[in-house]
Amino acid sequence: MKSFTYVIKDELGIHARPAGLVVREAKKFPETQITMIKNGKEVNCQKLMRVMSLGVRHGESVLVRAEGANEDEAIAAMEAFFKANL
């Protein structure tokens, strides 16, 4: 299992558009379970409504975790995505 913690820099947080982008990025790794955790609530990053249900706002911290066949590649891609987009 690999993980990273990220503080959201986007002024609007993770709303519909960025949540959709998170899901699209996570779906590139179907053999790997990618989850996002905020305040103890854990959701599957491949499910749009679940990602949006976290209600992540600007300045809040999330833990992203990958577990599975391509976890090294998946966590590196997700971390790069978060840094570039969120």
N, C-alpha and C. Protein backbone atom coordinates (compact mmCIF):
# COMPACT_ATOMS: atom_id res chain seq x y z
N MET A 1 0.85 -1.18 0.00
CA MET A 1 0.00 0.00 0.00
C MET A 1 0.89 1.24 0.00
N LYS A 2 0.54 2.20 -0.85
CA LYS A 2 1.26 3.47 -0.95
C LYS A 2 0.26 4.59 -0.70
N SER A 3 0.75 5.71 -0.16
CA SER A 3 -0.17 6.82 0.12
C SER A 3 0.58 8.15 0.13
N PHE A 4 -0.18 9.22 0.06
CA PHE A 4 0.35 10.56 0.23
C PHE A 4 -0.75 11.44 0.81
N THR A 5 -0.33 12.49 1.49
CA THR A 5 -1.27 13.46 2.04
C THR A 5 -1.13 14.74 1.24
N TYR A 6 -2.25 15.38 0.96
CA TYR A 6 -2.23 16.59 0.14
C TYR A 6 -3.19 17.63 0.72
N VAL A 7 -2.76 18.88 0.75
CA VAL A 7 -3.60 20.00 1.18
C VAL A 7 -4.14 20.66 -0.08
N ILE A 8 -5.46 20.76 -0.18
CA ILE A 8 -6.13 21.29 -1.38
C ILE A 8 -5.84 22.79 -1.51
N LYS A 9 -5.32 23.16 -2.67
CA LYS A 9 -4.97 24.55 -2.94
C LYS A 9 -6.01 25.26 -3.82
N ASP A 10 -6.83 24.49 -4.53
CA ASP A 10 -7.87 25.06 -5.38
C ASP A 10 -8.84 25.85 -4.50
N GLU A 11 -9.10 27.08 -4.87
CA GLU A 11 -9.96 27.97 -4.07
C GLU A 11 -11.37 27.40 -3.85
N LEU A 12 -11.86 26.61 -4.79
CA LEU A 12 -13.21 26.06 -4.68
C LEU A 12 -13.25 24.65 -4.11
N GLY A 13 -12.08 24.09 -3.80
CA GLY A 13 -12.03 22.73 -3.27
C GLY A 13 -12.31 21.71 -4.37
N ILE A 14 -12.74 20.53 -3.96
CA ILE A 14 -13.05 19.47 -4.93
C ILE A 14 -14.55 19.49 -5.19
N HIS A 15 -14.96 20.29 -6.16
CA HIS A 15 -16.37 20.35 -6.58
C HIS A 15 -16.54 19.45 -7.79
N ALA A 16 -17.63 19.56 -8.52
CA ALA A 16 -17.98 18.62 -9.59
C ALA A 16 -16.90 18.45 -10.66
N ARG A 17 -16.38 19.53 -11.21
CA ARG A 17 -15.41 19.39 -12.30
C ARG A 17 -14.13 18.71 -11.84
N PRO A 18 -13.47 19.19 -10.77
CA PRO A 18 -12.26 18.49 -10.36
C PRO A 18 -12.52 17.07 -9.85
N ALA A 19 -13.69 16.84 -9.26
CA ALA A 19 -14.01 15.48 -8.81
C ALA A 19 -14.07 14.54 -10.01
N GLY A 20 -14.66 15.02 -11.11
CA GLY A 20 -14.70 14.23 -12.34
C GLY A 20 -13.32 13.93 -12.87
N LEU A 21 -12.42 14.89 -12.75
CA LEU A 21 -11.04 14.68 -13.19
C LEU A 21 -10.31 13.67 -12.30
N VAL A 22 -10.58 13.72 -11.00
CA VAL A 22 -10.00 12.75 -10.07
C VAL A 22 -10.45 11.34 -10.46
N VAL A 23 -11.74 11.19 -10.73
CA VAL A 23 -12.30 9.89 -11.10
C VAL A 23 -11.67 9.40 -12.41
N ARG A 24 -11.56 10.28 -13.38
CA ARG A 24 -10.97 9.91 -14.67
C ARG A 24 -9.53 9.42 -14.48
N GLU A 25 -8.77 10.12 -13.65
CA GLU A 25 -7.38 9.72 -13.40
C GLU A 25 -7.33 8.37 -12.68
N ALA A 26 -8.18 8.17 -11.69
CA ALA A 26 -8.20 6.92 -10.93
C ALA A 26 -8.60 5.73 -11.80
N LYS A 27 -9.49 5.95 -12.75
CA LYS A 27 -9.96 4.86 -13.62
C LYS A 27 -8.88 4.39 -14.59
N LYS A 28 -7.78 5.10 -14.68
CA LYS A 28 -6.67 4.65 -15.52
C LYS A 28 -5.98 3.43 -14.91
N PHE A 29 -6.32 3.12 -13.66
CA PHE A 29 -5.68 2.02 -12.93
C PHE A 29 -6.74 1.06 -12.38
N PRO A 30 -7.42 0.32 -13.27
CA PRO A 30 -8.53 -0.53 -12.81
C PRO A 30 -8.10 -1.67 -11.88
N GLU A 31 -6.83 -2.07 -11.92
CA GLU A 31 -6.37 -3.17 -11.06
C GLU A 31 -5.98 -2.69 -9.67
N THR A 32 -6.04 -1.39 -9.45
CA THR A 32 -5.60 -0.81 -8.19
C THR A 32 -6.76 -0.09 -7.50
N GLN A 33 -6.94 -0.36 -6.22
CA GLN A 33 -7.96 0.32 -5.42
C GLN A 33 -7.38 1.65 -4.95
N ILE A 34 -7.96 2.75 -5.42
CA ILE A 34 -7.49 4.08 -5.02
C ILE A 34 -8.58 4.73 -4.18
N THR A 35 -8.20 5.14 -2.97
CA THR A 35 -9.17 5.74 -2.06
C THR A 35 -8.68 7.11 -1.59
N MET A 36 -9.65 7.93 -1.22
CA MET A 36 -9.37 9.25 -0.64
C MET A 36 -10.02 9.28 0.73
N ILE A 37 -9.28 9.79 1.71
CA ILE A 37 -9.77 9.81 3.08
C ILE A 37 -9.70 11.23 3.62
N LYS A 38 -10.82 11.68 4.20
CA LYS A 38 -10.88 12.99 4.85
C LYS A 38 -11.62 12.81 6.17
N ASN A 39 -10.98 13.20 7.25
CA ASN A 39 -11.58 13.11 8.59
C ASN A 39 -12.14 11.72 8.88
N GLY A 40 -11.42 10.68 8.48
CA GLY A 40 -11.84 9.32 8.77
C GLY A 40 -12.83 8.72 7.79
N LYS A 41 -13.38 9.52 6.88
CA LYS A 41 -14.31 9.01 5.88
C LYS A 41 -13.51 8.63 4.63
N GLU A 42 -13.67 7.38 4.20
CA GLU A 42 -12.90 6.84 3.08
C GLU A 42 -13.83 6.55 1.90
N VAL A 43 -13.43 7.02 0.71
CA VAL A 43 -14.25 6.78 -0.49
C VAL A 43 -13.39 6.26 -1.63
N ASN A 44 -14.03 5.55 -2.53
CA ASN A 44 -13.39 5.03 -3.74
C ASN A 44 -13.25 6.17 -4.74
N CYS A 45 -12.04 6.41 -5.22
CA CYS A 45 -11.78 7.51 -6.15
C CYS A 45 -12.32 7.26 -7.55
N GLN A 46 -12.86 6.07 -7.81
CA GLN A 46 -13.43 5.78 -9.11
C GLN A 46 -14.93 6.03 -9.13
N LYS A 47 -15.47 6.57 -8.05
CA LYS A 47 -16.92 6.84 -7.94
C LYS A 47 -17.15 8.34 -7.74
N LEU A 48 -17.69 9.00 -8.74
CA LEU A 48 -17.85 10.45 -8.73
C LEU A 48 -18.63 10.95 -7.52
N MET A 49 -19.79 10.41 -7.27
CA MET A 49 -20.63 10.91 -6.18
C MET A 49 -19.96 10.69 -4.82
N ARG A 50 -19.20 9.63 -4.70
CA ARG A 50 -18.49 9.37 -3.44
C ARG A 50 -17.40 10.42 -3.21
N VAL A 51 -16.65 10.73 -4.28
CA VAL A 51 -15.59 11.75 -4.16
C VAL A 51 -16.23 13.09 -3.78
N MET A 52 -17.32 13.45 -4.43
CA MET A 52 -18.00 14.71 -4.13
C MET A 52 -18.58 14.72 -2.72
N SER A 53 -18.98 13.54 -2.22
CA SER A 53 -19.61 13.47 -0.89
C SER A 53 -18.65 13.84 0.23
N LEU A 54 -17.35 13.82 -0.04
CA LEU A 54 -16.39 14.21 1.00
C LEU A 54 -16.46 15.70 1.30
N GLY A 55 -16.92 16.50 0.33
CA GLY A 55 -17.04 17.94 0.55
C GLY A 55 -15.71 18.60 0.87
N VAL A 56 -14.67 18.24 0.15
CA VAL A 56 -13.33 18.75 0.42
C VAL A 56 -13.24 20.22 0.00
N ARG A 57 -12.81 21.06 0.93
CA ARG A 57 -12.71 22.51 0.69
C ARG A 57 -11.26 22.95 0.64
N HIS A 58 -11.08 24.17 0.17
CA HIS A 58 -9.75 24.78 0.11
C HIS A 58 -9.08 24.72 1.48
N GLY A 59 -7.81 24.32 1.51
CA GLY A 59 -7.05 24.27 2.74
C GLY A 59 -7.19 22.99 3.55
N GLU A 60 -8.12 22.13 3.16
CA GLU A 60 -8.29 20.88 3.89
C GLU A 60 -7.32 19.82 3.37
N SER A 61 -7.00 18.90 4.24
CA SER A 61 -6.04 17.85 3.92
C SER A 61 -6.77 16.54 3.62
N VAL A 62 -6.29 15.82 2.60
CA VAL A 62 -6.82 14.50 2.28
C VAL A 62 -5.66 13.51 2.20
N LEU A 63 -5.95 12.28 2.51
CA LEU A 63 -5.00 11.19 2.34
C LEU A 63 -5.46 10.37 1.15
N VAL A 64 -4.57 10.16 0.19
CA VAL A 64 -4.88 9.34 -0.98
C VAL A 64 -4.05 8.08 -0.85
N ARG A 65 -4.73 6.94 -1.03
CA ARG A 65 -4.08 5.65 -0.84
C ARG A 65 -4.33 4.75 -2.04
N ALA A 66 -3.31 4.02 -2.46
CA ALA A 66 -3.43 3.07 -3.57
C ALA A 66 -2.95 1.70 -3.10
N GLU A 67 -3.71 0.68 -3.47
CA GLU A 67 -3.35 -0.68 -3.10
C GLU A 67 -3.73 -1.60 -4.25
N GLY A 68 -2.77 -2.37 -4.72
CA GLY A 68 -3.06 -3.31 -5.80
C GLY A 68 -1.89 -3.49 -6.74
N ALA A 69 -2.20 -4.04 -7.90
CA ALA A 69 -1.18 -4.46 -8.86
C ALA A 69 -0.24 -3.33 -9.31
N ASN A 70 -0.78 -2.17 -9.57
CA ASN A 70 0.02 -1.04 -10.07
C ASN A 70 0.10 0.10 -9.07
N GLU A 71 0.16 -0.21 -7.79
CA GLU A 71 0.06 0.83 -6.78
C GLU A 71 1.17 1.88 -6.87
N ASP A 72 2.39 1.48 -7.22
CA ASP A 72 3.47 2.46 -7.33
C ASP A 72 3.19 3.47 -8.44
N GLU A 73 2.83 2.95 -9.60
CA GLU A 73 2.51 3.81 -10.74
C GLU A 73 1.27 4.66 -10.46
N ALA A 74 0.25 4.05 -9.86
CA ALA A 74 -1.01 4.74 -9.59
C ALA A 74 -0.81 5.88 -8.59
N ILE A 75 -0.08 5.64 -7.51
CA ILE A 75 0.08 6.69 -6.50
C ILE A 75 0.93 7.83 -7.05
N ALA A 76 1.92 7.52 -7.87
CA ALA A 76 2.74 8.56 -8.49
C ALA A 76 1.90 9.42 -9.42
N ALA A 77 1.04 8.78 -10.21
CA ALA A 77 0.18 9.51 -11.14
C ALA A 77 -0.84 10.37 -10.39
N MET A 78 -1.42 9.83 -9.33
CA MET A 78 -2.41 10.58 -8.56
C MET A 78 -1.77 11.77 -7.86
N GLU A 79 -0.57 11.58 -7.31
CA GLU A 79 0.10 12.69 -6.63
C GLU A 79 0.45 13.79 -7.63
N ALA A 80 0.94 13.42 -8.80
CA ALA A 80 1.24 14.41 -9.83
C ALA A 80 -0.04 15.13 -10.27
N PHE A 81 -1.13 14.39 -10.40
CA PHE A 81 -2.41 14.99 -10.77
C PHE A 81 -2.87 16.01 -9.72
N PHE A 82 -2.83 15.62 -8.45
CA PHE A 82 -3.26 16.53 -7.38
C PHE A 82 -2.41 17.81 -7.38
N LYS A 83 -1.11 17.66 -7.52
CA LYS A 83 -0.23 18.83 -7.52
C LYS A 83 -0.50 19.75 -8.71
N ALA A 84 -0.82 19.18 -9.84
CA ALA A 84 -1.07 19.97 -11.05
C ALA A 84 -2.46 20.60 -11.11
N ASN A 85 -3.45 19.96 -10.45
CA ASN A 85 -4.84 20.38 -10.64
C ASN A 85 -5.58 20.82 -9.38
N LEU A 86 -5.10 20.44 -8.23
CA LEU A 86 -5.87 20.73 -7.02
C LEU A 86 -5.04 21.50 -6.00
